[in-house]
């Protein structure tokens, strides 16, 4: 039996802090919409009101999770889609949309609205798109609990920008992205190979590694493996190894008195020269100068 939703909604003014942090919560709410009752509630601000016939366009990103019941959601590109319990949908800024609960069942909704430079970047790189603005499987990544955390910070929190509230909303966006990856990959053999390879490389980065041989060991073609690995990690397999080695090099330079030769030997570089060259390409400074600047008064 559905539990009480403890309805509320709250709207926040944006602040300069939003640009520094990249994200701000501008609204959040939770409500139970009974079947056959006017939707949405007339208590919302005028700029957020809409009807099914006309629809609406917002200037911010909203994530809406339906925890019980069901209804309909529509955008121009995505078309009319059925929404069921456990499904979330995204309202993109500048995109026409409309949605409503079923007249018979109603629905329970939990939502957060955000804006900021980070939102713009996520839309630009395709984390949020009009075509794929409905997402199942979000409960498996904790979206309901993450939204509840947003609500706890929003109901009784301070007005305007709040860093903890923004951080909580970012976790909601991350759950959306994770659910999308899971839907897209369906744990195919190639994706399992990428996951296994990432674990292997993170444990053996200091060893001599033949990434083509690794792909063969994983049972996949190297060209497909390399492309999928980069799509999911942001690095080619060898770049991933080099990234790990240089990350550890920075830690050793900052926290030990080890020489470049000793660090190179420990991290799998063929020589101090090769370590220094790779480090300078990545950090813009030689390891020696980088270390000196850490302790320069």
C-alpha atoms as a PDB file:
ATOM      1  CA  UNK A   1       0.000   0.000   0.000  1.00  0.00           C
ATOM      2  CA  UNK A   2       1.441   3.417  -0.921  1.00  0.00           C
ATOM      3  CA  UNK A   3       2.728   5.468   1.976  1.00  0.00           C
ATOM      4  CA  UNK A   4       1.790   9.098   2.594  1.00  0.00           C
ATOM      5  CA  UNK A   5       3.726  11.461   0.402  1.00  0.00           C
ATOM      6  CA  UNK A   6       3.835  14.401   2.833  1.00  0.00           C
ATOM      7  CA  UNK A   7       3.139  16.913   0.056  1.00  0.00           C
ATOM      8  CA  UNK A   8       5.106  20.145  -0.269  1.00  0.00           C
ATOM      9  CA  UNK A   9       6.797  22.318  -2.865  1.00  0.00           C
ATOM     10  CA  UNK A  10       9.299  25.131  -2.530  1.00  0.00           C
ATOM     11  CA  UNK A  11      10.934  27.551  -4.963  1.00  0.00           C
ATOM     12  CA  UNK A  12      14.328  29.227  -4.527  1.00  0.00           C
ATOM     13  CA  UNK A  13      15.902  32.339  -5.989  1.00  0.00           C
ATOM     14  CA  UNK A  14      19.113  31.822  -7.932  1.00  0.00           C
ATOM     15  CA  UNK A  15      22.330  33.400  -6.658  1.00  0.00           C
ATOM     16  CA  UNK A  16      25.879  34.120  -7.906  1.00  0.00           C
ATOM     17  CA  UNK A  17      27.057  31.015  -6.018  1.00  0.00           C
ATOM     18  CA  UNK A  18      25.334  28.939  -8.695  1.00  0.00           C
ATOM     19  CA  UNK A  19      28.001  29.822 -11.256  1.00  0.00           C
ATOM     20  CA  UNK A  20      30.831  28.985  -8.853  1.00  0.00           C
ATOM     21  CA  UNK A  21      29.374  25.584  -7.974  1.00  0.00           C
ATOM     22  CA  UNK A  22      27.926  24.909 -11.430  1.00  0.00           C
ATOM     23  CA  UNK A  23      24.512  23.899 -10.157  1.00  0.00           C
ATOM     24  CA  UNK A  24      21.704  25.219  -7.978  1.00  0.00           C
ATOM     25  CA  UNK A  25      18.325  23.856  -6.922  1.00  0.00           C
ATOM     26  CA  UNK A  26      15.618  26.310  -7.954  1.00  0.00           C
ATOM     27  CA  UNK A  27      12.623  24.217  -6.888  1.00  0.00           C
ATOM     28  CA  UNK A  28      11.702  20.897  -5.341  1.00  0.00           C
ATOM     29  CA  UNK A  29       8.528  19.156  -4.317  1.00  0.00           C
ATOM     30  CA  UNK A  30       6.607  16.002  -3.638  1.00  0.00           C
ATOM     31  CA  UNK A  31       2.886  15.388  -4.098  1.00  0.00           C
ATOM     32  CA  UNK A  32       0.149  12.827  -4.426  1.00  0.00           C
ATOM     33  CA  UNK A  33      -2.138  13.575  -7.355  1.00  0.00           C
ATOM     34  CA  UNK A  34      -5.461  11.835  -6.918  1.00  0.00           C
ATOM     35  CA  UNK A  35      -7.213  10.514 -10.010  1.00  0.00           C
ATOM     36  CA  UNK A  36      -9.928  12.781 -11.341  1.00  0.00           C
ATOM     37  CA  UNK A  37      -8.578  15.868  -9.545  1.00  0.00           C
ATOM     38  CA  UNK A  38      -7.241  19.006 -11.282  1.00  0.00           C
ATOM     39  CA  UNK A  39      -3.584  18.673 -12.169  1.00  0.00           C
ATOM     40  CA  UNK A  40      -1.273  20.325 -11.380  1.00  0.00           C
ATOM     41  CA  UNK A  41      -2.260  22.066  -8.169  1.00  0.00           C
ATOM     42  CA  UNK A  42      -3.320  25.699  -8.612  1.00  0.00           C
ATOM     43  CA  UNK A  43      -0.971  26.624  -5.760  1.00  0.00           C
ATOM     44  CA  UNK A  44       2.140  26.500  -7.949  1.00  0.00           C
ATOM     45  CA  UNK A  45       3.623  29.768  -9.295  1.00  0.00           C
ATOM     46  CA  UNK A  46       2.080  31.049 -12.527  1.00  0.00           C
ATOM     47  CA  UNK A  47       5.228  30.364 -14.594  1.00  0.00           C
ATOM     48  CA  UNK A  48       5.110  26.687 -13.595  1.00  0.00           C
ATOM     49  CA  UNK A  49       1.404  26.145 -14.234  1.00  0.00           C
ATOM     50  CA  UNK A  50       0.199  24.341 -17.338  1.00  0.00           C
ATOM     51  CA  UNK A  51      -2.667  22.314 -18.758  1.00  0.00           C
ATOM     52  CA  UNK A  52      -2.642  19.208 -20.891  1.00  0.00           C
ATOM     53  CA  UNK A  53      -4.063  21.000 -23.923  1.00  0.00           C
ATOM     54  CA  UNK A  54      -1.374  23.683 -24.128  1.00  0.00           C
ATOM     55  CA  UNK A  55       1.602  22.088 -22.376  1.00  0.00           C
ATOM     56  CA  UNK A  56       4.517  24.125 -21.093  1.00  0.00           C
ATOM     57  CA  UNK A  57       8.140  25.222 -21.629  1.00  0.00           C
ATOM     58  CA  UNK A  58      10.524  25.737 -18.676  1.00  0.00           C
ATOM     59  CA  UNK A  59      13.871  27.527 -18.513  1.00  0.00           C
ATOM     60  CA  UNK A  60      15.395  24.983 -16.108  1.00  0.00           C
ATOM     61  CA  UNK A  61      15.888  21.204 -15.919  1.00  0.00           C
ATOM     62  CA  UNK A  62      13.435  19.147 -13.874  1.00  0.00           C
ATOM     63  CA  UNK A  63      13.690  15.482 -12.926  1.00  0.00           C
ATOM     64  CA  UNK A  64      10.316  13.961 -12.016  1.00  0.00           C
ATOM     65  CA  UNK A  65      10.112  10.504 -10.429  1.00  0.00           C
ATOM     66  CA  UNK A  66       6.791   8.664 -10.248  1.00  0.00           C
ATOM     67  CA  UNK A  67       6.839   6.407  -7.211  1.00  0.00           C
ATOM     68  CA  UNK A  68       3.242   5.101  -7.392  1.00  0.00           C
ATOM     69  CA  UNK A  69       0.519   5.094 -10.022  1.00  0.00           C
ATOM     70  CA  UNK A  70       1.035   6.110 -13.624  1.00  0.00           C
ATOM     71  CA  UNK A  71       0.174   8.555 -16.367  1.00  0.00           C
ATOM     72  CA  UNK A  72       1.344  10.087 -19.627  1.00  0.00           C
ATOM     73  CA  UNK A  73       4.260  12.267 -20.743  1.00  0.00           C
ATOM     74  CA  UNK A  74       4.841  13.874 -24.126  1.00  0.00           C
ATOM     75  CA  UNK A  75       7.419  15.980 -25.963  1.00  0.00           C
ATOM     76  CA  UNK A  76       7.551  16.860 -29.651  1.00  0.00           C
ATOM     77  CA  UNK A  77      10.515  14.605 -30.439  1.00  0.00           C
ATOM     78  CA  UNK A  78       9.900  11.879 -27.864  1.00  0.00           C
ATOM     79  CA  UNK A  79       6.197  11.543 -28.619  1.00  0.00           C
ATOM     80  CA  UNK A  80       3.501  10.392 -26.207  1.00  0.00           C
ATOM     81  CA  UNK A  81       4.792   7.867 -23.675  1.00  0.00           C
ATOM     82  CA  UNK A  82       3.212   5.859 -20.904  1.00  0.00           C
ATOM     83  CA  UNK A  83       4.669   6.508 -17.456  1.00  0.00           C
ATOM     84  CA  UNK A  84       4.589   3.762 -14.847  1.00  0.00           C
ATOM     85  CA  UNK A  85       5.607   3.488 -11.208  1.00  0.00           C
ATOM     86  CA  UNK A  86       9.375   3.634 -10.752  1.00  0.00           C
ATOM     87  CA  UNK A  87       9.919   5.665 -13.931  1.00  0.00           C
ATOM     88  CA  UNK A  88      11.493   9.119 -14.107  1.00  0.00           C
ATOM     89  CA  UNK A  89      11.240  11.713 -16.853  1.00  0.00           C
ATOM     90  CA  UNK A  90      13.281  14.830 -17.560  1.00  0.00           C
ATOM     91  CA  UNK A  91      11.882  18.225 -18.513  1.00  0.00           C
ATOM     92  CA  UNK A  92      14.599  19.970 -20.503  1.00  0.00           C
ATOM     93  CA  UNK A  93      14.918  23.754 -20.590  1.00  0.00           C
ATOM     94  CA  UNK A  94      13.413  25.294 -23.701  1.00  0.00           C
ATOM     95  CA  UNK A  95      11.624  22.053 -24.699  1.00  0.00           C
ATOM     96  CA  UNK A  96       7.842  21.887 -24.914  1.00  0.00           C
ATOM     97  CA  UNK A  97       6.292  19.129 -22.812  1.00  0.00           C
ATOM     98  CA  UNK A  98       3.149  18.025 -21.060  1.00  0.00           C
ATOM     99  CA  UNK A  99       2.331  15.295 -18.589  1.00  0.00           C
ATOM    100  CA  UNK A 100      -0.465  14.198 -16.282  1.00  0.00           C
ATOM    101  CA  UNK A 101      -1.486  11.273 -14.063  1.00  0.00           C
ATOM    102  CA  UNK A 102      -4.083   8.717 -15.115  1.00  0.00           C
ATOM    103  CA  UNK A 103      -7.591   9.766 -14.213  1.00  0.00           C
ATOM    104  CA  UNK A 104      -8.238   6.400 -12.598  1.00  0.00           C
ATOM    105  CA  UNK A 105      -5.038   5.793 -10.620  1.00  0.00           C
ATOM    106  CA  UNK A 106      -3.415   9.201 -10.114  1.00  0.00           C
ATOM    107  CA  UNK A 107       0.261   9.156  -9.186  1.00  0.00           C
ATOM    108  CA  UNK A 108       2.802  10.092  -6.522  1.00  0.00           C
ATOM    109  CA  UNK A 109       5.517  12.398  -7.827  1.00  0.00           C
ATOM    110  CA  UNK A 110       8.855  13.504  -6.404  1.00  0.00           C
ATOM    111  CA  UNK A 111      10.810  16.156  -8.294  1.00  0.00           C
ATOM    112  CA  UNK A 112      13.691  18.600  -8.282  1.00  0.00           C
ATOM    113  CA  UNK A 113      14.448  21.551 -10.554  1.00  0.00           C
ATOM    114  CA  UNK A 114      18.025  22.688 -11.213  1.00  0.00           C
ATOM    115  CA  UNK A 115      19.873  25.159 -13.358  1.00  0.00           C
ATOM    116  CA  UNK A 116      23.439  26.314 -13.885  1.00  0.00           C
ATOM    117  CA  UNK A 117      26.492  25.821 -16.122  1.00  0.00           C
ATOM    118  CA  UNK A 118      26.720  22.137 -15.212  1.00  0.00           C
ATOM    119  CA  UNK A 119      23.179  21.534 -16.468  1.00  0.00           C
ATOM    120  CA  UNK A 120      24.086  23.170 -19.768  1.00  0.00           C
ATOM    121  CA  UNK A 121      27.166  20.949 -20.108  1.00  0.00           C
ATOM    122  CA  UNK A 122      25.245  17.756 -19.347  1.00  0.00           C
ATOM    123  CA  UNK A 123      22.684  18.616 -22.001  1.00  0.00           C
ATOM    124  CA  UNK A 124      25.421  19.505 -24.493  1.00  0.00           C
ATOM    125  CA  UNK A 125      27.163  16.130 -24.101  1.00  0.00           C
ATOM    126  CA  UNK A 126      23.887  14.214 -24.303  1.00  0.00           C
ATOM    127  CA  UNK A 127      23.301  13.074 -20.722  1.00  0.00           C
ATOM    128  CA  UNK A 128      19.871  14.680 -21.068  1.00  0.00           C
ATOM    129  CA  UNK A 129      18.101  14.656 -24.435  1.00  0.00           C
ATOM    130  CA  UNK A 130      14.523  15.196 -25.535  1.00  0.00           C
ATOM    131  CA  UNK A 131      14.495  11.922 -27.429  1.00  0.00           C
ATOM    132  CA  UNK A 132      15.508   9.896 -24.344  1.00  0.00           C
ATOM    133  CA  UNK A 133      13.738  11.907 -21.673  1.00  0.00           C
ATOM    134  CA  UNK A 134      12.011   8.926 -20.011  1.00  0.00           C
ATOM    135  CA  UNK A 135      14.090   6.535 -17.952  1.00  0.00           C
ATOM    136  CA  UNK A 136      13.224   3.269 -16.219  1.00  0.00           C
ATOM    137  CA  UNK A 137      15.488   1.541 -13.712  1.00  0.00           C
ATOM    138  CA  UNK A 138      16.302   4.674 -11.718  1.00  0.00           C
ATOM    139  CA  UNK A 139      15.149   3.132  -8.428  1.00  0.00           C
ATOM    140  CA  UNK A 140      17.984   0.611  -8.640  1.00  0.00           C
ATOM    141  CA  UNK A 141      20.402   3.537  -8.450  1.00  0.00           C
ATOM    142  CA  UNK A 142      18.736   5.076  -5.399  1.00  0.00           C
ATOM    143  CA  UNK A 143      16.915   7.971  -7.054  1.00  0.00           C
ATOM    144  CA  UNK A 144      13.979   7.878  -4.641  1.00  0.00           C
ATOM    145  CA  UNK A 145      16.249   8.065  -1.588  1.00  0.00           C
ATOM    146  CA  UNK A 146      18.386  10.757  -3.234  1.00  0.00           C
ATOM    147  CA  UNK A 147      15.329  12.865  -3.956  1.00  0.00           C
ATOM    148  CA  UNK A 148      14.176  12.388  -0.369  1.00  0.00           C
ATOM    149  CA  UNK A 149      17.506  13.869   0.726  1.00  0.00           C
ATOM    150  CA  UNK A 150      16.887  16.872  -1.526  1.00  0.00           C
ATOM    151  CA  UNK A 151      13.462  17.281   0.069  1.00  0.00           C
ATOM    152  CA  UNK A 152      14.875  17.093   3.592  1.00  0.00           C
ATOM    153  CA  UNK A 153      17.265  19.924   2.737  1.00  0.00           C
ATOM    154  CA  UNK A 154      14.636  21.926   0.851  1.00  0.00           C
ATOM    155  CA  UNK A 155      11.658  21.862   3.191  1.00  0.00           C
ATOM    156  CA  UNK A 156      13.384  23.446   6.164  1.00  0.00           C
ATOM    157  CA  UNK A 157      16.650  24.640   4.635  1.00  0.00           C
ATOM    158  CA  UNK A 158      17.842  28.184   3.980  1.00  0.00           C
ATOM    159  CA  UNK A 159      16.473  30.338   1.140  1.00  0.00           C
ATOM    160  CA  UNK A 160      18.489  30.923  -2.023  1.00  0.00           C
ATOM    161  CA  UNK A 161      21.595  28.909  -2.833  1.00  0.00           C
ATOM    162  CA  UNK A 162      22.606  26.016  -0.588  1.00  0.00           C
ATOM    163  CA  UNK A 163      25.729  23.978  -1.346  1.00  0.00           C
ATOM    164  CA  UNK A 164      24.456  20.805   0.416  1.00  0.00           C
ATOM    165  CA  UNK A 165      21.188  21.048  -1.500  1.00  0.00           C
ATOM    166  CA  UNK A 166      23.060  21.469  -4.791  1.00  0.00           C
ATOM    167  CA  UNK A 167      25.265  18.464  -3.962  1.00  0.00           C
ATOM    168  CA  UNK A 168      22.188  16.360  -3.193  1.00  0.00           C
ATOM    169  CA  UNK A 169      20.619  17.333  -6.519  1.00  0.00           C
ATOM    170  CA  UNK A 170      23.822  16.417  -8.365  1.00  0.00           C
ATOM    171  CA  UNK A 171      23.506  12.902  -6.933  1.00  0.00           C
ATOM    172  CA  UNK A 172      20.003  12.709  -8.461  1.00  0.00           C
ATOM    173  CA  UNK A 173      21.422  13.652 -11.866  1.00  0.00           C
ATOM    174  CA  UNK A 174      24.120  11.001 -11.420  1.00  0.00           C
ATOM    175  CA  UNK A 175      21.461   8.347 -10.723  1.00  0.00           C
ATOM    176  CA  UNK A 176      19.736   9.344 -13.971  1.00  0.00           C
ATOM    177  CA  UNK A 177      22.985   8.981 -15.905  1.00  0.00           C
ATOM    178  CA  UNK A 178      23.835   5.616 -14.321  1.00  0.00           C
ATOM    179  CA  UNK A 179      20.394   4.198 -15.121  1.00  0.00           C
ATOM    180  CA  UNK A 180      20.807   5.346 -18.716  1.00  0.00           C
ATOM    181  CA  UNK A 181      24.132   3.579 -19.097  1.00  0.00           C
ATOM    182  CA  UNK A 182      22.655   0.392 -17.678  1.00  0.00           C
ATOM    183  CA  UNK A 183      19.732   0.543 -20.102  1.00  0.00           C
ATOM    184  CA  UNK A 184      21.983   1.183 -23.064  1.00  0.00           C
ATOM    185  CA  UNK A 185      24.505  -1.525 -22.407  1.00  0.00           C
ATOM    186  CA  UNK A 186      22.265  -4.320 -21.047  1.00  0.00           C
ATOM    187  CA  UNK A 187      25.467  -5.841 -19.662  1.00  0.00           C
ATOM    188  CA  UNK A 188      26.574  -7.060 -23.066  1.00  0.00           C
ATOM    189  CA  UNK A 189      29.726  -9.145 -23.406  1.00  0.00           C
ATOM    190  CA  UNK A 190      31.600  -6.072 -24.641  1.00  0.00           C
ATOM    191  CA  UNK A 191      30.517  -3.972 -21.674  1.00  0.00           C
ATOM    192  CA  UNK A 192      31.410  -6.715 -19.242  1.00  0.00           C
ATOM    193  CA  UNK A 193      34.827  -6.859 -20.891  1.00  0.00           C
ATOM    194  CA  UNK A 194      35.258  -3.109 -20.407  1.00  0.00           C
ATOM    195  CA  UNK A 195      34.328  -3.388 -16.730  1.00  0.00           C
ATOM    196  CA  UNK A 196      36.654  -6.322 -16.169  1.00  0.00           C
ATOM    197  CA  UNK A 197      39.473  -4.558 -18.021  1.00  0.00           C
ATOM    198  CA  UNK A 198      39.044  -1.388 -15.986  1.00  0.00           C
ATOM    199  CA  UNK A 199      39.363  -3.391 -12.755  1.00  0.00           C
ATOM    200  CA  UNK A 200      42.396  -5.257 -14.100  1.00  0.00           C
ATOM    201  CA  UNK A 201      44.185  -2.086 -15.226  1.00  0.00           C
ATOM    202  CA  UNK A 202      43.489  -0.302 -11.943  1.00  0.00           C
ATOM    203  CA  UNK A 203      45.259  -3.141 -10.107  1.00  0.00           C
ATOM    204  CA  UNK A 204      48.118  -3.789 -12.571  1.00  0.00           C
ATOM    205  CA  UNK A 205      48.842  -0.313 -13.958  1.00  0.00           C
ATOM    206  CA  UNK A 206      52.516  -0.488 -12.873  1.00  0.00           C
ATOM    207  CA  UNK A 207      53.137  -3.670 -14.856  1.00  0.00           C
ATOM    208  CA  UNK A 208      54.014  -4.083 -18.544  1.00  0.00           C
ATOM    209  CA  UNK A 209      50.609  -4.325 -20.229  1.00  0.00           C
ATOM    210  CA  UNK A 210      49.735  -5.203 -23.820  1.00  0.00           C
ATOM    211  CA  UNK A 211      46.217  -3.765 -24.225  1.00  0.00           C
ATOM    212  CA  UNK A 212      45.638  -5.669 -27.480  1.00  0.00           C
ATOM    213  CA  UNK A 213      46.446  -8.919 -25.714  1.00  0.00           C
ATOM    214  CA  UNK A 214      44.154  -7.849 -22.887  1.00  0.00           C
ATOM    215  CA  UNK A 215      41.257  -7.462 -25.332  1.00  0.00           C
ATOM    216  CA  UNK A 216      41.935 -10.960 -26.662  1.00  0.00           C
ATOM    217  CA  UNK A 217      41.925 -12.315 -23.095  1.00  0.00           C
ATOM    218  CA  UNK A 218      38.560 -10.605 -22.573  1.00  0.00           C
ATOM    219  CA  UNK A 219      37.227 -12.326 -25.689  1.00  0.00           C
ATOM    220  CA  UNK A 220      36.455  -9.201 -27.735  1.00  0.00           C
ATOM    221  CA  UNK A 221      37.912  -7.508 -30.823  1.00  0.00           C
ATOM    222  CA  UNK A 222      40.445  -4.825 -29.926  1.00  0.00           C
ATOM    223  CA  UNK A 223      38.904  -2.098 -32.132  1.00  0.00           C
ATOM    224  CA  UNK A 224      35.470  -2.540 -30.504  1.00  0.00           C
ATOM    225  CA  UNK A 225      37.027  -2.895 -27.066  1.00  0.00           C
ATOM    226  CA  UNK A 226      39.098   0.282 -27.394  1.00  0.00           C
ATOM    227  CA  UNK A 227      36.094   2.315 -28.627  1.00  0.00           C
ATOM    228  CA  UNK A 228      33.794   1.049 -25.869  1.00  0.00           C
ATOM    229  CA  UNK A 229      36.457   1.542 -23.203  1.00  0.00           C
ATOM    230  CA  UNK A 230      36.932   5.183 -24.209  1.00  0.00           C
ATOM    231  CA  UNK A 231      33.182   5.820 -24.389  1.00  0.00           C
ATOM    232  CA  UNK A 232      32.725   4.544 -20.830  1.00  0.00           C
ATOM    233  CA  UNK A 233      35.865   5.848 -19.112  1.00  0.00           C
ATOM    234  CA  UNK A 234      36.899   8.853 -21.185  1.00  0.00           C
ATOM    235  CA  UNK A 235      40.306   7.250 -21.865  1.00  0.00           C
ATOM    236  CA  UNK A 236      41.699   4.754 -24.313  1.00  0.00           C
ATOM    237  CA  UNK A 237      43.037   1.679 -22.431  1.00  0.00           C
ATOM    238  CA  UNK A 238      46.640   2.883 -22.627  1.00  0.00           C
ATOM    239  CA  UNK A 239      45.674   6.463 -21.694  1.00  0.00           C
ATOM    240  CA  UNK A 240      43.883   4.996 -18.680  1.00  0.00           C
ATOM    241  CA  UNK A 241      47.061   3.202 -17.583  1.00  0.00           C
ATOM    242  CA  UNK A 242      49.125   6.357 -18.097  1.00  0.00           C
ATOM    243  CA  UNK A 243      46.552   8.422 -16.184  1.00  0.00           C
ATOM    244  CA  UNK A 244      46.793   6.054 -13.202  1.00  0.00           C
ATOM    245  CA  UNK A 245      50.595   6.049 -13.295  1.00  0.00           C
ATOM    246  CA  UNK A 246      50.786   9.853 -13.386  1.00  0.00           C
ATOM    247  CA  UNK A 247      48.207  10.185 -10.592  1.00  0.00           C
ATOM    248  CA  UNK A 248      50.364   7.971  -8.397  1.00  0.00           C
ATOM    249  CA  UNK A 249      53.482   9.848  -9.495  1.00  0.00           C
ATOM    250  CA  UNK A 250      51.985  13.113  -8.254  1.00  0.00           C
ATOM    251  CA  UNK A 251      51.201  11.528  -4.898  1.00  0.00           C
ATOM    252  CA  UNK A 252      54.723  10.125  -4.541  1.00  0.00           C
ATOM    253  CA  UNK A 253      56.304  13.441  -5.549  1.00  0.00           C
ATOM    254  CA  UNK A 254      54.189  15.287  -3.021  1.00  0.00           C
ATOM    255  CA  UNK A 255      54.480  12.913  -0.078  1.00  0.00           C
ATOM    256  CA  UNK A 256      57.880  11.193  -0.360  1.00  0.00           C
ATOM    257  CA  UNK A 257      61.545  11.965  -1.031  1.00  0.00           C
ATOM    258  CA  UNK A 258      61.809   9.284  -3.713  1.00  0.00           C
ATOM    259  CA  UNK A 259      63.939  10.178  -6.739  1.00  0.00           C
ATOM    260  CA  UNK A 260      62.480  10.272 -10.244  1.00  0.00           C
ATOM    261  CA  UNK A 261      64.359   7.040 -11.033  1.00  0.00           C
ATOM    262  CA  UNK A 262      62.787   5.292  -8.033  1.00  0.00           C
ATOM    263  CA  UNK A 263      59.288   6.560  -8.880  1.00  0.00           C
ATOM    264  CA  UNK A 264      59.671   5.581 -12.534  1.00  0.00           C
ATOM    265  CA  UNK A 265      60.769   2.068 -11.550  1.00  0.00           C
ATOM    266  CA  UNK A 266      57.885   1.632  -9.109  1.00  0.00           C
ATOM    267  CA  UNK A 267      55.213   2.867 -11.529  1.00  0.00           C
ATOM    268  CA  UNK A 268      56.277   0.981 -14.639  1.00  0.00           C
ATOM    269  CA  UNK A 269      57.982   3.736 -16.649  1.00  0.00           C
ATOM    270  CA  UNK A 270      61.011   2.592 -18.619  1.00  0.00           C
ATOM    271  CA  UNK A 271      63.131   5.456 -17.281  1.00  0.00           C
ATOM    272  CA  UNK A 272      63.047   8.711 -15.355  1.00  0.00           C
ATOM    273  CA  UNK A 273      63.248  10.481 -18.715  1.00  0.00           C
ATOM    274  CA  UNK A 274      60.020   8.876 -19.949  1.00  0.00           C
ATOM    275  CA  UNK A 275      58.296   9.645 -16.645  1.00  0.00           C
ATOM    276  CA  UNK A 276      59.418  13.264 -16.844  1.00  0.00           C
ATOM    277  CA  UNK A 277      58.257  13.650 -20.452  1.00  0.00           C
ATOM    278  CA  UNK A 278      54.824  12.148 -19.775  1.00  0.00           C
ATOM    279  CA  UNK A 279      54.432  14.169 -16.586  1.00  0.00           C
ATOM    280  CA  UNK A 280      55.254  17.450 -18.364  1.00  0.00           C
ATOM    281  CA  UNK A 281      52.774  16.732 -21.180  1.00  0.00           C
ATOM    282  CA  UNK A 282      50.054  16.110 -18.617  1.00  0.00           C
ATOM    283  CA  UNK A 283      50.824  18.820 -16.050  1.00  0.00           C
ATOM    284  CA  UNK A 284      52.675  21.476 -17.990  1.00  0.00           C
ATOM    285  CA  UNK A 285      55.683  21.284 -15.652  1.00  0.00           C
ATOM    286  CA  UNK A 286      58.525  18.854 -15.155  1.00  0.00           C
ATOM    287  CA  UNK A 287      58.209  16.630 -12.059  1.00  0.00           C
ATOM    288  CA  UNK A 288      61.127  18.417 -10.399  1.00  0.00           C
ATOM    289  CA  UNK A 289      59.669  21.900 -10.836  1.00  0.00           C
ATOM    290  CA  UNK A 290      56.171  20.652  -9.916  1.00  0.00           C
ATOM    291  CA  UNK A 291      57.558  19.231  -6.649  1.00  0.00           C
ATOM    292  CA  UNK A 292      59.506  22.419  -5.890  1.00  0.00           C
ATOM    293  CA  UNK A 293      56.418  24.582  -6.347  1.00  0.00           C
ATOM    294  CA  UNK A 294      54.530  22.527  -3.767  1.00  0.00           C
ATOM    295  CA  UNK A 295      56.894  23.630  -1.021  1.00  0.00           C
ATOM    296  CA  UNK A 296      57.844  27.091  -2.277  1.00  0.00           C
ATOM    297  CA  UNK A 297      56.978  29.652   0.452  1.00  0.00           C
END
